Amino acid sequence: MTSDKLSKYKHLGKAGTTEHIDVVMSVFRRYVWDEIQRIIHTLDDCLLDMNSGSEQEPEEAQD
């Protein structure tokens, strides 16, 4: 008996096939790219915070 209900996983193909592995790797690469973008954004925010903090609190000269 086949169901007429749509599945979001049908397009992935049968597990272990070349097409399935390609799709899984594509999803993984997209996840890695999103994580790299998030890390870059976080580091950029930290750099801005450091720069703005150093302008607000000048360092005292040491003897």
Protein backbone atom coordinates (compact mmCIF):
# COMPACT_ATOMS: atom_id res chain seq x y z
CA MET A 1 0.00 0.00 0.00
CA THR A 2 1.50 3.34 -1.04
CA SER A 3 0.66 6.52 0.78
CA ASP A 4 -0.31 9.69 -1.07
CA LYS A 5 1.12 11.72 1.80
CA LEU A 6 4.14 13.76 0.72
CA SER A 7 7.42 13.26 2.49
CA LYS A 8 10.18 15.82 2.67
CA TYR A 9 12.72 12.99 2.48
CA LYS A 10 11.65 11.34 -0.81
CA HIS A 11 14.01 13.43 -2.92
CA LEU A 12 17.03 12.08 -1.04
CA GLY A 13 16.75 8.73 -2.78
CA LYS A 14 17.58 5.30 -1.48
CA ALA A 15 20.18 5.26 1.30
CA GLY A 16 23.65 4.37 0.09
CA THR A 17 23.14 5.39 -3.53
CA THR A 18 25.39 7.94 -5.17
CA GLU A 19 22.52 10.42 -5.40
CA HIS A 20 21.70 10.01 -1.71
CA ILE A 21 25.32 10.50 -0.65
CA ASP A 22 25.58 13.61 -2.86
CA VAL A 23 22.51 15.15 -1.25
CA VAL A 24 23.67 14.32 2.29
CA MET A 25 27.09 15.84 1.56
CA SER A 26 25.42 18.93 0.09
CA VAL A 27 23.37 19.41 3.28
CA PHE A 28 26.52 18.92 5.36
CA ARG A 29 28.49 21.49 3.30
CA ARG A 30 25.64 24.00 3.71
CA TYR A 31 25.68 23.43 7.50
CA VAL A 32 29.47 23.90 7.65
CA TRP A 33 29.24 27.09 5.55
CA ASP A 34 26.54 28.49 7.84
CA GLU A 35 28.68 27.73 10.90
CA ILE A 36 31.74 29.41 9.35
CA GLN A 37 29.65 32.49 8.54
CA ARG A 38 28.36 32.56 12.15
CA ILE A 39 31.90 32.34 13.53
CA ILE A 40 33.11 35.13 11.24
CA HIS A 41 30.22 37.32 12.36
CA THR A 42 30.97 36.60 16.03
CA LEU A 43 34.67 37.40 15.60
CA ASP A 44 33.82 40.60 13.73
CA ASP A 45 31.53 41.66 16.59
CA CYS A 46 34.29 40.90 19.12
CA LEU A 47 36.78 42.98 17.14
CA LEU A 48 34.37 45.90 17.03
CA ASP A 49 33.79 45.61 20.78
CA MET A 50 37.53 45.57 21.44
CA ASN A 51 38.12 48.61 19.24
CA SER A 52 35.30 50.62 20.77
CA GLY A 53 36.40 49.63 24.27
CA SER A 54 39.94 50.82 23.71
CA GLU A 55 38.71 54.21 22.51
CA GLN A 56 36.55 54.68 25.60
CA GLU A 57 39.18 53.64 28.14
CA PRO A 58 42.63 54.95 27.25
CA GLU A 59 45.47 52.99 28.78
CA GLU A 60 47.53 54.69 31.45
CA ALA A 61 51.22 55.12 30.79
CA GLN A 62 53.37 52.81 32.88
CA ASP A 63 56.53 54.07 34.55
